[in-house]
Amino acid sequence: MKYKTLGNSGAYVSAICLGTQQFGRWVDETEACEILNVFTEHGGNFIDTADCYPIYLPNGNSGGELSESFIGRWLKSYSKRDDLIIATKFSAPMNDKPNNEGISRKYIIKAVEQSLKRLNTDYIDLYQVHDDYFDVPMEETLRTLDDLIKKGLVRYIGCSNFSAWRLMKALGLSDKRGYASYVTIQNKYNLLEKCEYESELMELCKEERIGMLPYVPLAKGFLTGKYHQGSMSDGFFREKDVRKLYDNNRNWEILHLVQSIADKNGINSTQVALAWLMQRPGVVAPVVGVNSIEQLKVILASVDISLLNTDIADLNQV
């Protein structure tokens, strides 16, 4: 396993972050514990979840009783808690009642207490704002997060789904007020969806040493190569809106390029997509969800793959 610094901090994290959104949806608790064991046995120390995971349950989800709780019960039998970087997120709606979502002081304090309890831990290594809320004063959010760090409940803070200008505003406010600053940002970034990160955020992350944690790095499985044009009906692609987002000629052409590079190098499409992503400027670790041990081993192997400069150039241009 390779390790990188967690953005503008002194903590080191594995080059792959284990995403756990699928825990409780397609991965039961026994399978989740097996995945966590194999991940850590191979040197992985960076685990990401959220209080609302899994968010795609047919009968609704009161939030956190699955993904965070699976991890928390696993942690009871794991003797090296201090070796791990446990990241979770807050702000997504937990139910339809008022004050059960968002980034207000009232809700943040409630959310962190509940996450700590579910995770069976005294502290959260990386506490992330899941989504930006424009109706809450930014200073209220940052001051509250700073208080959590001072109380020892949180080690570092990060954000997710922020625009470049909102991130820059937050960094400026933290600097002005002396609050703790965001050290990471978790946004969508993959070979099919580059614009949001590369147009503005990439230069900001490089300049301010903000660690980029790309989610959906495999475009919801599209870049694994398991799907074929005209036959996308399982996983996330059961949903019509998701199929519509990815099922177009441009994306299939990119996938064909990825597959040709994989064939030439004796690897697979998943490994090409992740190896490309891990060498992009500002990227610390892609957040990759898995359904099985087999998938996890393929993903972990991508850490040791170095693509040819010509292949990287071709992928950069798509």
Foldseek 3Di string as FASTA:
>chain_A
DDWDDQFPDRDIFDQAEAEQLCFVPLADLVQVLVLVVVCVVLPGAHYEEEQAGNQDDPVGALGNLTRLLSQQVSVVPDDPNVSHQYEYEFFDANDPDPLRGHQALSNVVVRLVVSCVSNVHQAHAEYEHAEDDPVHPLVRRQVSVQVCCVVVRYPAYAYEHDAQVVLVVQQVVCVVVVTGHHREYEYADWLVDHCRCPVHVLVVCQVRRRAYAHEPHCLQVLQQPPDDQPDQCDGPSVDVVSCVVQRDPVNVVLSVLLQVQCVVVVATRLLSGQLLVSPRHRYRHYHDYDSHPVVVVSNSVSVPDDGDPVSSVVSVVD
